[in-house]
Amino acid sequence: MNKTTIKTVAQIAEEKFSKEKLEQLKAQFNGRKLNIIVIEDKVAVLAPLSAKALSDYTRMVIDPKAGPEQATRLLLDQLWLGGDEEIRNDEDYFMSAMVEMQNLIELKKSTSGKW
């Protein structure tokens, strides 16, 4: 019986970049967590989401001349720290990255109310 090892995103990133390199990158952002995207055998390491990057993304999403695709490309470029260029340049990988970038933004949303 052949067992397949399921690796975590962190393990895949460490294999690709080394734990030391990832720690160095993380230190640049005062210990904030890096964002890792894994698409098949391709990996991208992204900086933590910043207010400026989110603002630029939001502005482009609602711009009829730009839209979600260009907004995602901008955000991906702003946060990119390293990885496989196919994620940015190959349409199939980029479409998957678009979904992951949206998930990244969705995770940062919050709710508010009055009491």
PDB file of N, CA and C in Angstrom:
ATOM      1  N   MET A   1       0.840  -1.165   0.000  1.00  0.00           N
ATOM      2  CA  MET A   1       0.000   0.000   0.000  1.00  0.00           C
ATOM      3  C   MET A   1       0.898   1.245   0.000  1.00  0.00           C
ATOM      4  N   ASN A   2       0.672   2.130  -0.947  1.00  0.00           N
ATOM      5  CA  ASN A   2       1.478   3.332  -1.107  1.00  0.00           C
ATOM      6  C   ASN A   2       0.754   4.512  -0.477  1.00  0.00           C
ATOM      7  N   LYS A   3       1.347   5.085   0.568  1.00  0.00           N
ATOM      8  CA  LYS A   3       0.738   6.235   1.226  1.00  0.00           C
ATOM      9  C   LYS A   3       1.309   7.518   0.650  1.00  0.00           C
ATOM     10  N   THR A   4       0.443   8.452   0.362  1.00  0.00           N
ATOM     11  CA  THR A   4       0.856   9.752  -0.143  1.00  0.00           C
ATOM     12  C   THR A   4       0.943  10.713   1.036  1.00  0.00           C
ATOM     13  N   THR A   5       2.042  11.418   1.105  1.00  0.00           N
ATOM     14  CA  THR A   5       2.211  12.407   2.157  1.00  0.00           C
ATOM     15  C   THR A   5       1.568  13.711   1.717  1.00  0.00           C
ATOM     16  N   ILE A   6       0.691  14.216   2.545  1.00  0.00           N
ATOM     17  CA  ILE A   6       0.056  15.491   2.256  1.00  0.00           C
ATOM     18  C   ILE A   6       0.853  16.562   2.992  1.00  0.00           C
ATOM     19  N   LYS A   7       1.367  17.502   2.238  1.00  0.00           N
ATOM     20  CA  LYS A   7       2.190  18.560   2.807  1.00  0.00           C
ATOM     21  C   LYS A   7       1.366  19.814   3.024  1.00  0.00           C
ATOM     22  N   THR A   8       1.725  20.541   4.048  1.00  0.00           N
ATOM     23  CA  THR A   8       1.071  21.819   4.305  1.00  0.00           C
ATOM     24  C   THR A   8       1.675  22.877   3.375  1.00  0.00           C
ATOM     25  N   VAL A   9       0.991  23.975   3.251  1.00  0.00           N
ATOM     26  CA  VAL A   9       1.494  25.093   2.449  1.00  0.00           C
ATOM     27  C   VAL A   9       2.844  25.553   3.003  1.00  0.00           C
ATOM     28  N   ALA A  10       2.958  25.605   4.326  1.00  0.00           N
ATOM     29  CA  ALA A  10       4.218  26.022   4.953  1.00  0.00           C
ATOM     30  C   ALA A  10       5.356  25.073   4.596  1.00  0.00           C
ATOM     31  N   GLN A  11       5.091  23.785   4.619  1.00  0.00           N
ATOM     32  CA  GLN A  11       6.126  22.802   4.267  1.00  0.00           C
ATOM     33  C   GLN A  11       6.561  22.958   2.814  1.00  0.00           C
ATOM     34  N   ILE A  12       5.615  23.166   1.933  1.00  0.00           N
ATOM     35  CA  ILE A  12       5.929  23.340   0.506  1.00  0.00           C
ATOM     36  C   ILE A  12       6.781  24.598   0.319  1.00  0.00           C
ATOM     37  N   ALA A  13       6.400  25.680   0.994  1.00  0.00           N
ATOM     38  CA  ALA A  13       7.167  26.933   0.894  1.00  0.00           C
ATOM     39  C   ALA A  13       8.577  26.751   1.446  1.00  0.00           C
ATOM     40  N   GLU A  14       8.719  26.040   2.548  1.00  0.00           N
ATOM     41  CA  GLU A  14      10.039  25.801   3.138  1.00  0.00           C
ATOM     42  C   GLU A  14      10.924  24.972   2.211  1.00  0.00           C
ATOM     43  N   GLU A  15      10.336  24.013   1.519  1.00  0.00           N
ATOM     44  CA  GLU A  15      11.109  23.212   0.558  1.00  0.00           C
ATOM     45  C   GLU A  15      11.591  24.070  -0.607  1.00  0.00           C
ATOM     46  N   LYS A  16      10.766  24.994  -1.023  1.00  0.00           N
ATOM     47  CA  LYS A  16      11.085  25.827  -2.182  1.00  0.00           C
ATOM     48  C   LYS A  16      12.067  26.952  -1.828  1.00  0.00           C
ATOM     49  N   PHE A  17      11.895  27.566  -0.646  1.00  0.00           N
ATOM     50  CA  PHE A  17      12.670  28.755  -0.303  1.00  0.00           C
ATOM     51  C   PHE A  17      13.606  28.595   0.879  1.00  0.00           C
ATOM     52  N   SER A  18      13.439  27.619   1.683  1.00  0.00           N
ATOM     53  CA  SER A  18      14.148  27.349   2.941  1.00  0.00           C
ATOM     54  C   SER A  18      13.498  28.142   4.073  1.00  0.00           C
ATOM     55  N   LYS A  19      13.499  27.536   5.213  1.00  0.00           N
ATOM     56  CA  LYS A  19      12.901  28.155   6.394  1.00  0.00           C
ATOM     57  C   LYS A  19      13.633  29.448   6.745  1.00  0.00           C
ATOM     58  N   GLU A  20      14.941  29.452   6.594  1.00  0.00           N
ATOM     59  CA  GLU A  20      15.741  30.634   6.911  1.00  0.00           C
ATOM     60  C   GLU A  20      15.363  31.816   6.022  1.00  0.00           C
ATOM     61  N   LYS A  21      15.220  31.569   4.729  1.00  0.00           N
ATOM     62  CA  LYS A  21      14.855  32.635   3.789  1.00  0.00           C
ATOM     63  C   LYS A  21      13.475  33.190   4.131  1.00  0.00           C
ATOM     64  N   LEU A  22      12.535  32.310   4.446  1.00  0.00           N
ATOM     65  CA  LEU A  22      11.193  32.758   4.806  1.00  0.00           C
ATOM     66  C   LEU A  22      11.216  33.574   6.095  1.00  0.00           C
ATOM     67  N   GLU A  23      12.039  33.179   7.048  1.00  0.00           N
ATOM     68  CA  GLU A  23      12.166  33.942   8.296  1.00  0.00           C
ATOM     69  C   GLU A  23      12.756  35.324   8.023  1.00  0.00           C
ATOM     70  N   GLN A  24      13.726  35.404   7.110  1.00  0.00           N
ATOM     71  CA  GLN A  24      14.316  36.698   6.743  1.00  0.00           C
ATOM     72  C   GLN A  24      13.265  37.612   6.116  1.00  0.00           C
ATOM     73  N   LEU A  25      12.467  37.049   5.215  1.00  0.00           N
ATOM     74  CA  LEU A  25      11.409  37.833   4.572  1.00  0.00           C
ATOM     75  C   LEU A  25      10.388  38.303   5.602  1.00  0.00           C
ATOM     76  N   LYS A  26       9.994  37.399   6.495  1.00  0.00           N
ATOM     77  CA  LYS A  26       9.012  37.724   7.525  1.00  0.00           C
ATOM     78  C   LYS A  26       9.528  38.836   8.440  1.00  0.00           C
ATOM     79  N   ALA A  27      10.816  38.814   8.741  1.00  0.00           N
ATOM     80  CA  ALA A  27      11.416  39.831   9.615  1.00  0.00           C
ATOM     81  C   ALA A  27      11.298  41.233   9.016  1.00  0.00           C
ATOM     82  N   GLN A  28      11.254  41.317   7.690  1.00  0.00           N
ATOM     83  CA  GLN A  28      11.108  42.615   7.026  1.00  0.00           C
ATOM     84  C   GLN A  28       9.762  43.269   7.332  1.00  0.00           C
ATOM     85  N   PHE A  29       8.820  42.463   7.800  1.00  0.00           N
ATOM     86  CA  PHE A  29       7.464  42.952   8.057  1.00  0.00           C
ATOM     87  C   PHE A  29       7.121  42.835   9.541  1.00  0.00           C
ATOM     88  N   ASN A  30       8.145  42.979  10.385  1.00  0.00           N
ATOM     89  CA  ASN A  30       7.965  42.969  11.837  1.00  0.00           C
ATOM     90  C   ASN A  30       7.233  41.728  12.334  1.00  0.00           C
ATOM     91  N   GLY A  31       7.519  40.600  11.720  1.00  0.00           N
ATOM     92  CA  GLY A  31       6.942  39.338  12.174  1.00  0.00           C
ATOM     93  C   GLY A  31       5.545  39.040  11.675  1.00  0.00           C
ATOM     94  N   ARG A  32       4.966  39.951  10.885  1.00  0.00           N
ATOM     95  CA  ARG A  32       3.634  39.662  10.309  1.00  0.00           C
ATOM     96  C   ARG A  32       3.759  38.459   9.395  1.00  0.00           C
ATOM     97  N   LYS A  33       2.712  37.686   9.312  1.00  0.00           N
ATOM     98  CA  LYS A  33       2.745  36.466   8.522  1.00  0.00           C
ATOM     99  C   LYS A  33       2.788  36.756   7.027  1.00  0.00           C
ATOM    100  N   LEU A  34       3.620  35.984   6.341  1.00  0.00           N
ATOM    101  CA  LEU A  34       3.681  36.054   4.881  1.00  0.00           C
ATOM    102  C   LEU A  34       2.488  35.306   4.315  1.00  0.00           C
ATOM    103  N   ASN A  35       2.119  35.636   3.102  1.00  0.00           N
ATOM    104  CA  ASN A  35       1.066  34.915   2.397  1.00  0.00           C
ATOM    105  C   ASN A  35       1.726  34.009   1.367  1.00  0.00           C
ATOM    106  N   ILE A  36       1.314  32.756   1.365  1.00  0.00           N
ATOM    107  CA  ILE A  36       1.877  31.772   0.453  1.00  0.00           C
ATOM    108  C   ILE A  36       0.763  31.254  -0.441  1.00  0.00           C
ATOM    109  N   ILE A  37       1.027  31.236  -1.737  1.00  0.00           N
ATOM    110  CA  ILE A  37       0.085  30.647  -2.691  1.00  0.00           C
ATOM    111  C   ILE A  37       0.776  29.447  -3.322  1.00  0.00           C
ATOM    112  N   VAL A  38       0.091  28.313  -3.309  1.00  0.00           N
ATOM    113  CA  VAL A  38       0.595  27.107  -3.958  1.00  0.00           C
ATOM    114  C   VAL A  38      -0.429  26.691  -5.002  1.00  0.00           C
ATOM    115  N   ILE A  39       0.028  26.580  -6.238  1.00  0.00           N
ATOM    116  CA  ILE A  39      -0.825  26.139  -7.341  1.00  0.00           C
ATOM    117  C   ILE A  39      -0.073  25.011  -8.034  1.00  0.00           C
ATOM    118  N   GLU A  40      -0.577  23.796  -7.839  1.00  0.00           N
ATOM    119  CA  GLU A  40       0.102  22.601  -8.337  1.00  0.00           C
ATOM    120  C   GLU A  40       1.531  22.592  -7.806  1.00  0.00           C
ATOM    121  N   ASP A  41       2.526  22.677  -8.680  1.00  0.00           N
ATOM    122  CA  ASP A  41       3.926  22.651  -8.235  1.00  0.00           C
ATOM    123  C   ASP A  41       4.546  24.042  -8.210  1.00  0.00           C
ATOM    124  N   LYS A  42       3.742  25.067  -8.341  1.00  0.00           N
ATOM    125  CA  LYS A  42       4.227  26.457  -8.351  1.00  0.00           C
ATOM    126  C   LYS A  42       3.908  27.128  -7.019  1.00  0.00           C
ATOM    127  N   VAL A  43       4.834  27.970  -6.570  1.00  0.00           N
ATOM    128  CA  VAL A  43       4.691  28.629  -5.271  1.00  0.00           C
ATOM    129  C   VAL A  43       5.004  30.115  -5.411  1.00  0.00           C
ATOM    130  N   ALA A  44       4.246  30.933  -4.706  1.00  0.00           N
ATOM    131  CA  ALA A  44       4.530  32.369  -4.610  1.00  0.00           C
ATOM    132  C   ALA A  44       4.535  32.758  -3.145  1.00  0.00           C
ATOM    133  N   VAL A  45       5.490  33.587  -2.780  1.00  0.00           N
ATOM    134  CA  VAL A  45       5.549  34.144  -1.431  1.00  0.00           C
ATOM    135  C   VAL A  45       5.198  35.624  -1.554  1.00  0.00           C
ATOM    136  N   LEU A  46       4.204  36.027  -0.782  1.00  0.00           N
ATOM    137  CA  LEU A  46       3.706  37.393  -0.845  1.00  0.00           C
ATOM    138  C   LEU A  46       3.836  38.081   0.504  1.00  0.00           C
ATOM    139  N   ALA A  47       4.072  39.364   0.463  1.00  0.00           N
ATOM    140  CA  ALA A  47       4.131  40.180   1.677  1.00  0.00           C
ATOM    141  C   ALA A  47       2.751  40.203   2.330  1.00  0.00           C
ATOM    142  N   PRO A  48       2.705  40.546   3.600  1.00  0.00           N
ATOM    143  CA  PRO A  48       1.403  40.743   4.237  1.00  0.00           C
ATOM    144  C   PRO A  48       0.641  41.867   3.527  1.00  0.00           C
ATOM    145  N   LEU A  49      -0.650  41.770   3.510  1.00  0.00           N
ATOM    146  CA  LEU A  49      -1.489  42.782   2.876  1.00  0.00           C
ATOM    147  C   LEU A  49      -1.323  44.107   3.611  1.00  0.00           C
ATOM    148  N   SER A  50      -1.150  45.174   2.853  1.00  0.00           N
ATOM    149  CA  SER A  50      -1.010  46.506   3.447  1.00  0.00           C
ATOM    150  C   SER A  50      -2.238  47.347   3.098  1.00  0.00           C
ATOM    151  N   ALA A  51      -2.424  48.407   3.854  1.00  0.00           N
ATOM    152  CA  ALA A  51      -3.545  49.304   3.597  1.00  0.00           C
ATOM    153  C   ALA A  51      -3.432  49.939   2.211  1.00  0.00           C
ATOM    154  N   LYS A  52      -2.218  50.316   1.817  1.00  0.00           N
ATOM    155  CA  LYS A  52      -2.019  50.920   0.502  1.00  0.00           C
ATOM    156  C   LYS A  52      -2.349  49.930  -0.609  1.00  0.00           C
ATOM    157  N   ALA A  53      -1.865  48.703  -0.475  1.00  0.00           N
ATOM    158  CA  ALA A  53      -2.126  47.692  -1.504  1.00  0.00           C
ATOM    159  C   ALA A  53      -3.619  47.403  -1.610  1.00  0.00           C
ATOM    160  N   LEU A  54      -4.297  47.304  -0.477  1.00  0.00           N
ATOM    161  CA  LEU A  54      -5.734  47.053  -0.491  1.00  0.00           C
ATOM    162  C   LEU A  54      -6.486  48.226  -1.106  1.00  0.00           C
ATOM    163  N   SER A  55      -6.061  49.432  -0.802  1.00  0.00           N
ATOM    164  CA  SER A  55      -6.682  50.632  -1.363  1.00  0.00           C
ATOM    165  C   SER A  55      -6.498  50.683  -2.880  1.00  0.00           C
ATOM    166  N   ASP A  56      -5.273  50.430  -3.349  1.00  0.00           N
ATOM    167  CA  ASP A  56      -5.000  50.416  -4.789  1.00  0.00           C
ATOM    168  C   ASP A  56      -5.840  49.355  -5.489  1.00  0.00           C
ATOM    169  N   TYR A  57      -5.921  48.175  -4.878  1.00  0.00           N
ATOM    170  CA  TYR A  57      -6.704  47.073  -5.443  1.00  0.00           C
ATOM    171  C   TYR A  57      -8.178  47.480  -5.552  1.00  0.00           C
ATOM    172  N   THR A  58      -8.728  48.016  -4.477  1.00  0.00           N
ATOM    173  CA  THR A  58     -10.148  48.388  -4.449  1.00  0.00           C
ATOM    174  C   THR A  58     -10.461  49.459  -5.485  1.00  0.00           C
ATOM    175  N   ARG A  59      -9.564  50.426  -5.593  1.00  0.00           N
ATOM    176  CA  ARG A  59      -9.758  51.495  -6.581  1.00  0.00           C
ATOM    177  C   ARG A  59      -9.779  50.924  -8.001  1.00  0.00           C
ATOM    178  N   MET A  60      -8.888  49.977  -8.284  1.00  0.00           N
ATOM    179  CA  MET A  60      -8.837  49.405  -9.634  1.00  0.00           C
ATOM    180  C   MET A  60     -10.011  48.486  -9.924  1.00  0.00           C
ATOM    181  N   VAL A  61     -10.492  47.760  -8.924  1.00  0.00           N
ATOM    182  CA  VAL A  61     -11.622  46.852  -9.135  1.00  0.00           C
ATOM    183  C   VAL A  61     -12.838  47.611  -9.625  1.00  0.00           C
ATOM    184  N   ILE A  62     -13.073  48.796  -9.059  1.00  0.00           N
ATOM    185  CA  ILE A  62     -14.273  49.546  -9.447  1.00  0.00           C
ATOM    186  C   ILE A  62     -14.052  50.437 -10.664  1.00  0.00           C
ATOM    187  N   ASP A  63     -12.822  50.546 -11.132  1.00  0.00           N
ATOM    188  CA  ASP A  63     -12.517  51.348 -12.311  1.00  0.00           C
ATOM    189  C   ASP A  63     -12.935  50.566 -13.560  1.00  0.00           C
ATOM    190  N   PRO A  64     -13.884  51.116 -14.353  1.00  0.00           N
ATOM    191  CA  PRO A  64     -14.344  50.383 -15.543  1.00  0.00           C
ATOM    192  C   PRO A  64     -13.243  50.144 -16.572  1.00  0.00           C
ATOM    193  N   LYS A  65     -12.178  50.918 -16.530  1.00  0.00           N
ATOM    194  CA  LYS A  65     -11.075  50.718 -17.478  1.00  0.00           C
ATOM    195  C   LYS A  65     -10.106  49.643 -17.005  1.00  0.00           C
ATOM    196  N   ALA A  66     -10.160  49.291 -15.746  1.00  0.00           N
ATOM    197  CA  ALA A  66      -9.218  48.303 -15.196  1.00  0.00           C
ATOM    198  C   ALA A  66      -9.956  47.003 -14.879  1.00  0.00           C
ATOM    199  N   GLY A  67     -10.668  46.964 -13.786  1.00  0.00           N
ATOM    200  CA  GLY A  67     -11.426  45.781 -13.405  1.00  0.00           C
ATOM    201  C   GLY A  67     -10.631  44.795 -12.566  1.00  0.00           C
ATOM    202  N   PRO A  68     -11.271  43.674 -12.225  1.00  0.00           N
ATOM    203  CA  PRO A  68     -10.679  42.697 -11.313  1.00  0.00           C
ATOM    204  C   PRO A  68      -9.359  42.080 -11.791  1.00  0.00           C
ATOM    205  N   GLU A  69      -9.232  41.818 -13.074  1.00  0.00           N
ATOM    206  CA  GLU A  69      -7.992  41.191 -13.562  1.00  0.00           C
ATOM    207  C   GLU A  69      -6.793  42.118 -13.341  1.00  0.00           C
ATOM    208  N   GLN A  70      -6.894  43.345 -13.787  1.00  0.00           N
ATOM    209  CA  GLN A  70      -5.783  44.276 -13.626  1.00  0.00           C
ATOM    210  C   GLN A  70      -5.545  44.611 -12.158  1.00  0.00           C
ATOM    211  N   ALA A  71      -6.618  44.666 -11.382  1.00  0.00           N
ATOM    212  CA  ALA A  71      -6.471  44.928  -9.948  1.00  0.00           C
ATOM    213  C   ALA A  71      -5.700  43.794  -9.280  1.00  0.00           C
ATOM    214  N   THR A  72      -6.004  42.572  -9.660  1.00  0.00           N
ATOM    215  CA  THR A  72      -5.298  41.421  -9.086  1.00  0.00           C
ATOM    216  C   THR A  72      -3.842  41.418  -9.518  1.00  0.00           C
ATOM    217  N   ARG A  73      -3.577  41.739 -10.779  1.00  0.00           N
ATOM    218  CA  ARG A  73      -2.185  41.808 -11.247  1.00  0.00           C
ATOM    219  C   ARG A  73      -1.401  42.863 -10.451  1.00  0.00           C
ATOM    220  N   LEU A  74      -2.022  44.017 -10.216  1.00  0.00           N
ATOM    221  CA  LEU A  74      -1.379  45.066  -9.442  1.00  0.00           C
ATOM    222  C   LEU A  74      -1.080  44.586  -8.019  1.00  0.00           C
ATOM    223  N   LEU A  75      -2.068  43.987  -7.373  1.00  0.00           N
ATOM    224  CA  LEU A  75      -1.895  43.515  -6.003  1.00  0.00           C
ATOM    225  C   LEU A  75      -0.830  42.429  -5.923  1.00  0.00           C
ATOM    226  N   LEU A  76      -0.857  41.521  -6.863  1.00  0.00           N
ATOM    227  CA  LEU A  76       0.139  40.450  -6.899  1.00  0.00           C
ATOM    228  C   LEU A  76       1.538  41.035  -7.064  1.00  0.00           C
ATOM    229  N   ASP A  77       1.678  42.015  -7.946  1.00  0.00           N
ATOM    230  CA  ASP A  77       2.981  42.655  -8.144  1.00  0.00           C
ATOM    231  C   ASP A  77       3.437  43.423  -6.906  1.00  0.00           C
ATOM    232  N   GLN A  78       2.507  44.104  -6.243  1.00  0.00           N
ATOM    233  CA  GLN A  78       2.866  44.889  -5.058  1.00  0.00           C
ATOM    234  C   GLN A  78       3.319  44.004  -3.897  1.00  0.00           C
ATOM    235  N   LEU A  79       2.717  42.834  -3.761  1.00  0.00           N
ATOM    236  CA  LEU A  79       3.013  41.961  -2.625  1.00  0.00           C
ATOM    237  C   LEU A  79       4.083  40.911  -2.926  1.00  0.00           C
ATOM    238  N   TRP A  80       4.438  40.727  -4.179  1.00  0.00           N
ATOM    239  CA  TRP A  80       5.346  39.652  -4.614  1.00  0.00           C
ATOM    240  C   TRP A  80       6.720  39.775  -3.959  1.00  0.00           C
ATOM    241  N   LEU A  81       7.131  38.704  -3.289  1.00  0.00           N
ATOM    242  CA  LEU A  81       8.466  38.633  -2.701  1.00  0.00           C
ATOM    243  C   LEU A  81       9.336  37.605  -3.412  1.00  0.00           C
ATOM    244  N   GLY A  82       8.707  36.666  -4.083  1.00  0.00           N
ATOM    245  CA  GLY A  82       9.451  35.651  -4.818  1.00  0.00           C
ATOM    246  C   GLY A  82       8.555  34.482  -5.170  1.00  0.00           C
ATOM    247  N   GLY A  83       9.048  33.689  -6.093  1.00  0.00           N
ATOM    248  CA  GLY A  83       8.290  32.500  -6.468  1.00  0.00           C
ATOM    249  C   GLY A  83       8.397  32.192  -7.938  1.00  0.00           C
ATOM    250  N   ASP A  84       7.538  31.311  -8.364  1.00  0.00           N
ATOM    251  CA  ASP A  84       7.511  30.871  -9.754  1.00  0.00           C
ATOM    252  C   ASP A  84       6.765  31.889 -10.606  1.00  0.00           C
ATOM    253  N   GLU A  85       7.460  32.435 -11.583  1.00  0.00           N
ATOM    254  CA  GLU A  85       6.894  33.487 -12.442  1.00  0.00           C
ATOM    255  C   GLU A  85       5.667  33.011 -13.227  1.00  0.00           C
ATOM    256  N   GLU A  86       5.503  31.725 -13.383  1.00  0.00           N
ATOM    257  CA  GLU A  86       4.326  31.222 -14.096  1.00  0.00           C
ATOM    258  C   GLU A  86       3.033  31.683 -13.424  1.00  0.00           C
ATOM    259  N   ILE A  87       3.079  31.877 -12.120  1.00  0.00           N
ATOM    260  CA  ILE A  87       1.879  32.322 -11.405  1.00  0.00           C
ATOM    261  C   ILE A  87       1.450  33.702 -11.896  1.00  0.00           C
ATOM    262  N   ARG A  88       2.400  34.527 -12.242  1.00  0.00           N
ATOM    263  CA  ARG A  88       2.058  35.863 -12.752  1.00  0.00           C
ATOM    264  C   ARG A  88       1.869  35.889 -14.265  1.00  0.00           C
ATOM    265  N   ASN A  89       2.540  34.990 -14.972  1.00  0.00           N
ATOM    266  CA  ASN A  89       2.604  35.094 -16.435  1.00  0.00           C
ATOM    267  C   ASN A  89       1.806  34.068 -17.219  1.00  0.00           C
ATOM    268  N   ASP A  90       1.503  32.937 -16.631  1.00  0.00           N
ATOM    269  CA  ASP A  90       0.748  31.891 -17.331  1.00  0.00           C
ATOM    270  C   ASP A  90      -0.729  32.027 -16.952  1.00  0.00           C
ATOM    271  N   GLU A  91      -1.583  32.149 -17.935  1.00  0.00           N
ATOM    272  CA  GLU A  91      -3.005  32.415 -17.712  1.00  0.00           C
ATOM    273  C   GLU A  91      -3.660  31.393 -16.778  1.00  0.00           C
ATOM    274  N   ASP A  92      -3.351  30.120 -16.950  1.00  0.00           N
ATOM    275  CA  ASP A  92      -3.970  29.092 -16.107  1.00  0.00           C
ATOM    276  C   ASP A  92      -3.580  29.260 -14.642  1.00  0.00           C
ATOM    277  N   TYR A  93      -2.318  29.509 -14.382  1.00  0.00           N
ATOM    278  CA  TYR A  93      -1.873  29.724 -13.005  1.00  0.00           C
ATOM    279  C   TYR A  93      -2.409  31.050 -12.466  1.00  0.00           C
ATOM    280  N   PHE A  94      -2.418  32.069 -13.312  1.00  0.00           N
ATOM    281  CA  PHE A  94      -2.887  33.381 -12.864  1.00  0.00           C
ATOM    282  C   PHE A  94      -4.353  33.335 -12.454  1.00  0.00           C
ATOM    283  N   MET A  95      -5.180  32.615 -13.201  1.00  0.00           N
ATOM    284  CA  MET A  95      -6.600  32.528 -12.837  1.00  0.00           C
ATOM    285  C   MET A  95      -6.766  31.918 -11.454  1.00  0.00           C
ATOM    286  N   SER A  96      -5.975  30.904 -11.140  1.00  0.00           N
ATOM    287  CA  SER A  96      -6.024  30.327  -9.791  1.00  0.00           C
ATOM    288  C   SER A  96      -5.531  31.333  -8.755  1.00  0.00           C
ATOM    289  N   ALA A  97      -4.502  32.082  -9.119  1.00  0.00           N
ATOM    290  CA  ALA A  97      -3.977  33.098  -8.210  1.00  0.00           C
ATOM    291  C   ALA A  97      -5.030  34.176  -7.947  1.00  0.00           C
ATOM    292  N   MET A  98      -5.837  34.509  -8.947  1.00  0.00           N
ATOM    293  CA  MET A  98      -6.899  35.507  -8.751  1.00  0.00           C
ATOM    294  C   MET A  98      -7.833  35.072  -7.629  1.00  0.00           C
ATOM    295  N   VAL A  99      -8.202  33.803  -7.632  1.00  0.00           N
ATOM    296  CA  VAL A  99      -9.089  33.281  -6.595  1.00  0.00           C
ATOM    297  C   VAL A  99      -8.409  33.365  -5.231  1.00  0.00           C
ATOM    298  N   GLU A 100      -7.145  32.985  -5.183  1.00  0.00           N
ATOM    299  CA  GLU A 100      -6.416  33.024  -3.914  1.00  0.00           C
ATOM    300  C   GLU A 100      -6.243  34.447  -3.411  1.00  0.00           C
ATOM    301  N   MET A 101      -6.006  35.379  -4.303  1.00  0.00           N
ATOM    302  CA  MET A 101      -5.871  36.779  -3.892  1.00  0.00           C
ATOM    303  C   MET A 101      -7.198  37.295  -3.322  1.00  0.00           C
ATOM    304  N   GLN A 102      -8.292  36.894  -3.925  1.00  0.00           N
ATOM    305  CA  GLN A 102      -9.607  37.291  -3.409  1.00  0.00           C
ATOM    306  C   GLN A 102      -9.813  36.702  -2.017  1.00  0.00           C
ATOM    307  N   ASN A 103      -9.400  35.453  -1.822  1.00  0.00           N
ATOM    308  CA  ASN A 103      -9.502  34.829  -0.499  1.00  0.00           C
ATOM    309  C   ASN A 103      -8.666  35.592   0.519  1.00  0.00           C
ATOM    310  N   LEU A 104      -7.499  36.031   0.110  1.00  0.00           N
ATOM    311  CA  LEU A 104      -6.622  36.798   0.986  1.00  0.00           C
ATOM    312  C   LEU A 104      -7.320  38.080   1.443  1.00  0.00           C
ATOM    313  N   ILE A 105      -7.970  38.740   0.538  1.00  0.00           N
ATOM    314  CA  ILE A 105      -8.675  39.978   0.863  1.00  0.00           C
ATOM    315  C   ILE A 105      -9.898  39.681   1.726  1.00  0.00           C
ATOM    316  N   GLU A 106     -10.632  38.627   1.396  1.00  0.00           N
ATOM    317  CA  GLU A 106     -11.829  38.258   2.155  1.00  0.00           C
ATOM    318  C   GLU A 106     -11.490  37.934   3.601  1.00  0.00           C
ATOM    319  N   LEU A 107     -10.357  37.302   3.845  1.00  0.00           N
ATOM    320  CA  LEU A 107      -9.967  36.954   5.208  1.00  0.00           C
ATOM    321  C   LEU A 107      -9.712  38.181   6.056  1.00  0.00           C
ATOM    322  N   LYS A 108      -9.428  39.290   5.437  1.00  0.00           N
ATOM    323  CA  LYS A 108      -9.119  40.517   6.168  1.00  0.00           C
ATOM    324  C   LYS A 108     -10.365  41.348   6.467  1.00  0.00           C
ATOM    325  N   LYS A 109     -11.502  40.949   5.942  1.00  0.00           N
ATOM    326  CA  LYS A 109     -12.713  41.718   6.188  1.00  0.00           C
ATOM    327  C   LYS A 109     -13.171  41.536   7.635  1.00  0.00           C
ATOM    328  N   SER A 110     -13.861  42.527   8.115  1.00  0.00           N
ATOM    329  CA  SER A 110     -14.397  42.452   9.471  1.00  0.00           C
ATOM    330  C   SER A 110     -15.840  42.932   9.459  1.00  0.00           C
ATOM    331  N   THR A 111     -16.474  42.838  10.586  1.00  0.00           N
ATOM    332  CA  THR A 111     -17.843  43.330  10.709  1.00  0.00           C
ATOM    333  C   THR A 111     -17.861  44.398  11.790  1.00  0.00           C
ATOM    334  N   SER A 112     -18.865  45.229  11.729  1.00  0.00           N
ATOM    335  CA  SER A 112     -19.031  46.247  12.750  1.00  0.00           C
ATOM    336  C   SER A 112     -20.506  46.399  13.063  1.00  0.00           C
ATOM    337  N   GLY A 113     -20.796  47.032  14.122  1.00  0.00           N
ATOM    338  CA  GLY A 113     -22.173  47.248  14.505  1.00  0.00           C
ATOM    339  C   GLY A 113     -22.241  48.290  15.612  1.00  0.00           C
ATOM    340  N   LYS A 114     -23.447  48.543  16.064  1.00  0.00           N
ATOM    341  CA  LYS A 114     -23.638  49.518  17.142  1.00  0.00           C
ATOM    342  C   LYS A 114     -24.264  48.793  18.321  1.00  0.00           C
ATOM    343  N   TRP A 115     -23.916  49.268  19.456  1.00  0.00           N
ATOM    344  CA  TRP A 115     -24.466  48.675  20.666  1.00  0.00           C
ATOM    345  C   TRP A 115     -25.124  49.709  21.484  1.00  0.00           C
TER     346      TRP A 115
END
